Structure formats: C-alpha cells, structure tokens
PDB file of N, CA and C in Angstrom:
ATOM      1  N   MET A   1       3.688 -10.107   5.713  1.00  0.00           N
ATOM      2  CA  MET A   1       3.878  -8.570   6.116  1.00  0.00           C
ATOM      3  C   MET A   1       3.880  -7.907   5.024  1.00  0.00           C
ATOM      4  N   ALA A   2       5.003  -8.118   4.107  1.00  0.00           N
ATOM      5  CA  ALA A   2       4.957  -7.425   2.881  1.00  0.00           C
ATOM      6  C   ALA A   2       3.933  -6.951   1.987  1.00  0.00           C
ATOM      7  N   ALA A   3       2.785  -7.773   1.947  1.00  0.00           N
ATOM      8  CA  ALA A   3       1.178  -7.337   1.366  1.00  0.00           C
ATOM      9  C   ALA A   3       0.799  -6.476   2.292  1.00  0.00           C
ATOM     10  N   GLY A   4       0.901  -6.450   3.600  1.00  0.00           N
ATOM     11  CA  GLY A   4       0.413  -5.229   4.368  1.00  0.00           C
ATOM     12  C   GLY A   4       0.983  -3.963   4.517  1.00  0.00           C
ATOM     13  N   ILE A   5       2.033  -3.789   4.389  1.00  0.00           N
ATOM     14  CA  ILE A   5       3.248  -2.738   3.795  1.00  0.00           C
ATOM     15  C   ILE A   5       2.285  -2.084   2.555  1.00  0.00           C
ATOM     16  N   LEU A   6       2.547  -2.664   1.771  1.00  0.00           N
ATOM     17  CA  LEU A   6       1.809  -2.381   0.139  1.00  0.00           C
ATOM     18  C   LEU A   6       0.267  -1.628   0.393  1.00  0.00           C
ATOM     19  N   LEU A   7      -0.557  -2.723   1.072  1.00  0.00           N
ATOM     20  CA  LEU A   7      -1.526  -2.117   1.263  1.00  0.00           C
ATOM     21  C   LEU A   7      -1.735  -0.549   2.247  1.00  0.00           C
ATOM     22  N   VAL A   8      -1.111  -0.605   3.138  1.00  0.00           N
ATOM     23  CA  VAL A   8      -1.180   0.697   3.754  1.00  0.00           C
ATOM     24  C   VAL A   8      -0.406   1.540   2.980  1.00  0.00           C
ATOM     25  N   ASN A   9       0.447   1.591   2.213  1.00  0.00           N
ATOM     26  CA  ASN A   9       1.353   2.537   1.605  1.00  0.00           C
ATOM     27  C   ASN A   9       0.427   3.309   0.135  1.00  0.00           C
ATOM     28  N   GLU A  10      -0.124   2.320  -0.205  1.00  0.00           N
ATOM     29  CA  GLU A  10      -0.889   2.149  -1.516  1.00  0.00           C
ATOM     30  C   GLU A  10      -2.574   3.234  -0.856  1.00  0.00           C
ATOM     31  N   ALA A  11      -2.804   3.267   0.191  1.00  0.00           N
ATOM     32  CA  ALA A  11      -3.779   3.606   0.420  1.00  0.00           C
ATOM     33  C   ALA A  11      -3.400   4.821   1.215  1.00  0.00           C
ATOM     34  N   GLY A  12      -2.312   5.683   1.165  1.00  0.00           N
ATOM     35  CA  GLY A  12      -1.980   6.935   1.447  1.00  0.00           C
ATOM     36  C   GLY A  12      -1.199   6.823   3.032  1.00  0.00           C
ATOM     37  N   GLY A  13      -1.342   5.607   3.777  1.00  0.00           N
ATOM     38  CA  GLY A  13      -0.823   5.655   5.071  1.00  0.00           C
ATOM     39  C   GLY A  13       0.604   5.629   5.315  1.00  0.00           C
ATOM     40  N   THR A  14       0.730   5.339   6.533  1.00  0.00           N
ATOM     41  CA  THR A  14       2.275   5.491   7.037  1.00  0.00           C
ATOM     42  C   THR A  14       2.673   4.054   7.849  1.00  0.00           C
ATOM     43  N   ILE A  15       3.605   3.322   7.741  1.00  0.00           N
ATOM     44  CA  ILE A  15       3.643   1.878   8.282  1.00  0.00           C
ATOM     45  C   ILE A  15       5.291   2.254   8.481  1.00  0.00           C
ATOM     46  N   THR A  16       5.738   2.012   9.905  1.00  0.00           N
ATOM     47  CA  THR A  16       6.970   2.092  10.391  1.00  0.00           C
ATOM     48  C   THR A  16       7.455   0.755  11.417  1.00  0.00           C
ATOM     49  N   ASP A  17       8.482   0.759  11.830  1.00  0.00           N
ATOM     50  CA  ASP A  17       8.704  -0.024  13.168  1.00  0.00           C
ATOM     51  C   ASP A  17       8.689   1.221  14.330  1.00  0.00           C
ATOM     52  N   MET A  18       8.778   0.107  15.339  1.00  0.00           N
ATOM     53  CA  MET A  18       8.450   1.095  16.870  1.00  0.00           C
ATOM     54  C   MET A  18       9.253   2.299  16.643  1.00  0.00           C
ATOM     55  N   THR A  19      10.459   2.428  16.274  1.00  0.00           N
ATOM     56  CA  THR A  19      11.606   3.510  16.220  1.00  0.00           C
ATOM     57  C   THR A  19      11.416   4.497  15.246  1.00  0.00           C
ATOM     58  N   GLY A  20      10.147   4.470  14.440  1.00  0.00           N
ATOM     59  CA  GLY A  20      10.323   5.443  13.302  1.00  0.00           C
ATOM     60  C   GLY A  20      10.842   5.035  12.243  1.00  0.00           C
ATOM     61  N   ASN A  21      11.355   3.721  12.047  1.00  0.00           N
ATOM     62  CA  ASN A  21      12.667   3.935  10.690  1.00  0.00           C
ATOM     63  C   ASN A  21      11.773   2.663  10.022  1.00  0.00           C
ATOM     64  N   GLN A  22      12.161   2.375   8.712  1.00  0.00           N
ATOM     65  CA  GLN A  22      11.443   1.197   7.917  1.00  0.00           C
ATOM     66  C   GLN A  22      11.869  -0.140   8.007  1.00  0.00           C
ATOM     67  N   ALA A  23      12.631  -0.488   9.103  1.00  0.00           N
ATOM     68  CA  ALA A  23      13.118  -1.904   9.430  1.00  0.00           C
ATOM     69  C   ALA A  23      12.083  -2.634  10.162  1.00  0.00           C
ATOM     70  N   MET A  24      10.641  -2.538   9.724  1.00  0.00           N
ATOM     71  CA  MET A  24       9.881  -3.378  10.184  1.00  0.00           C
ATOM     72  C   MET A  24       9.948  -5.088   9.704  1.00  0.00           C
ATOM     73  N   MET A  25      10.449  -5.117   8.765  1.00  0.00           N
ATOM     74  CA  MET A  25      10.837  -6.511   8.079  1.00  0.00           C
ATOM     75  C   MET A  25      11.899  -7.183   8.949  1.00  0.00           C
ATOM     76  N   GLU A  26      13.035  -6.611   9.318  1.00  0.00           N
ATOM     77  CA  GLU A  26      13.979  -7.045   9.816  1.00  0.00           C
ATOM     78  C   GLU A  26      13.735  -7.100  11.903  1.00  0.00           C
ATOM     79  N   ARG A  27      12.649  -6.218  12.126  1.00  0.00           N
ATOM     80  CA  ARG A  27      12.513  -5.865  13.531  1.00  0.00           C
ATOM     81  C   ARG A  27      11.242  -6.614  13.917  1.00  0.00           C
ATOM     82  N   GLY A  28      10.630  -6.567  13.119  1.00  0.00           N
ATOM     83  CA  GLY A  28       9.227  -7.407  13.164  1.00  0.00           C
ATOM     84  C   GLY A  28       8.237  -6.750  13.993  1.00  0.00           C
ATOM     85  N   ASP A  29       8.480  -5.367  14.466  1.00  0.00           N
ATOM     86  CA  ASP A  29       7.632  -4.392  14.810  1.00  0.00           C
ATOM     87  C   ASP A  29       6.777  -3.555  14.179  1.00  0.00           C
ATOM     88  N   VAL A  30       5.595  -3.232  14.189  1.00  0.00           N
ATOM     89  CA  VAL A  30       4.828  -2.237  13.220  1.00  0.00           C
ATOM     90  C   VAL A  30       4.151  -1.302  13.787  1.00  0.00           C
ATOM     91  N   ILE A  31       3.984  -0.261  13.485  1.00  0.00           N
ATOM     92  CA  ILE A  31       3.098   1.089  13.362  1.00  0.00           C
ATOM     93  C   ILE A  31       2.345   1.137  11.867  1.00  0.00           C
ATOM     94  N   ALA A  32       1.353   1.197  11.932  1.00  0.00           N
ATOM     95  CA  ALA A  32       0.548   1.785  10.753  1.00  0.00           C
ATOM     96  C   ALA A  32      -0.240   2.690  11.335  1.00  0.00           C
ATOM     97  N   SER A  33      -0.807   3.676  10.089  1.00  0.00           N
ATOM     98  CA  SER A  33      -1.565   4.515  10.516  1.00  0.00           C
ATOM     99  C   SER A  33      -2.119   5.268   9.266  1.00  0.00           C
ATOM    100  N   ASN A  34      -2.987   6.179   9.133  1.00  0.00           N
ATOM    101  CA  ASN A  34      -3.366   7.113   7.977  1.00  0.00           C
ATOM    102  C   ASN A  34      -2.496   8.037   7.555  1.00  0.00           C
ATOM    103  N   GLY A  35      -1.563   8.410   8.606  1.00  0.00           N
ATOM    104  CA  GLY A  35      -0.732   8.982   7.759  1.00  0.00           C
ATOM    105  C   GLY A  35      -0.602  10.489   8.446  1.00  0.00           C
ATOM    106  N   GLN A  36      -1.694  11.005   8.788  1.00  0.00           N
ATOM    107  CA  GLN A  36      -1.821  12.089   9.601  1.00  0.00           C
ATOM    108  C   GLN A  36      -1.217  12.479  10.973  1.00  0.00           C
ATOM    109  N   PHE A  37      -1.681  11.407  11.686  1.00  0.00           N
ATOM    110  CA  PHE A  37      -1.028  11.513  13.106  1.00  0.00           C
ATOM    111  C   PHE A  37       0.158  10.377  13.318  1.00  0.00           C
ATOM    112  N   HIS A  38       0.667   9.955  12.297  1.00  0.00           N
ATOM    113  CA  HIS A  38       1.711   8.807  12.823  1.00  0.00           C
ATOM    114  C   HIS A  38       2.673   9.299  13.694  1.00  0.00           C
ATOM    115  N   ASN A  39       3.155  10.629  13.313  1.00  0.00           N
ATOM    116  CA  ASN A  39       4.441  11.028  14.487  1.00  0.00           C
ATOM    117  C   ASN A  39       3.980  11.083  15.782  1.00  0.00           C
ATOM    118  N   ASN A  40       2.768  11.269  16.138  1.00  0.00           N
ATOM    119  CA  ASN A  40       2.201  11.455  17.356  1.00  0.00           C
ATOM    120  C   ASN A  40       2.551   9.758  18.030  1.00  0.00           C
ATOM    121  N   LEU A  41       2.167   8.946  17.344  1.00  0.00           N
ATOM    122  CA  LEU A  41       2.275   7.772  17.701  1.00  0.00           C
ATOM    123  C   LEU A  41       3.635   7.377  18.230  1.00  0.00           C
TER     124      LEU A  41
END
C-alpha cells in the first residue's frame, strides 16, 4: 500500500482514509483522487 500512496502523492493527487485523515495504513481504507475534488468525496 505504501507504494500506491507514494505514487498518488508524487502525481499531485490526494490520498486519505475514509475519515479524511492520513491513517490509511492503520485503518486499511483508502480514498485517492486527483486532489481537485477530494474534499467532495
């Protein structure tokens, strides 16, 4: 999962857990977007 997080971040995207925090490794849930509409998810 860490490689996917790195790829999204390097591409300018946003990745969080379902609550909008950076605890996706601990929680196991992930939302990834291009960053422009991430807060709407």
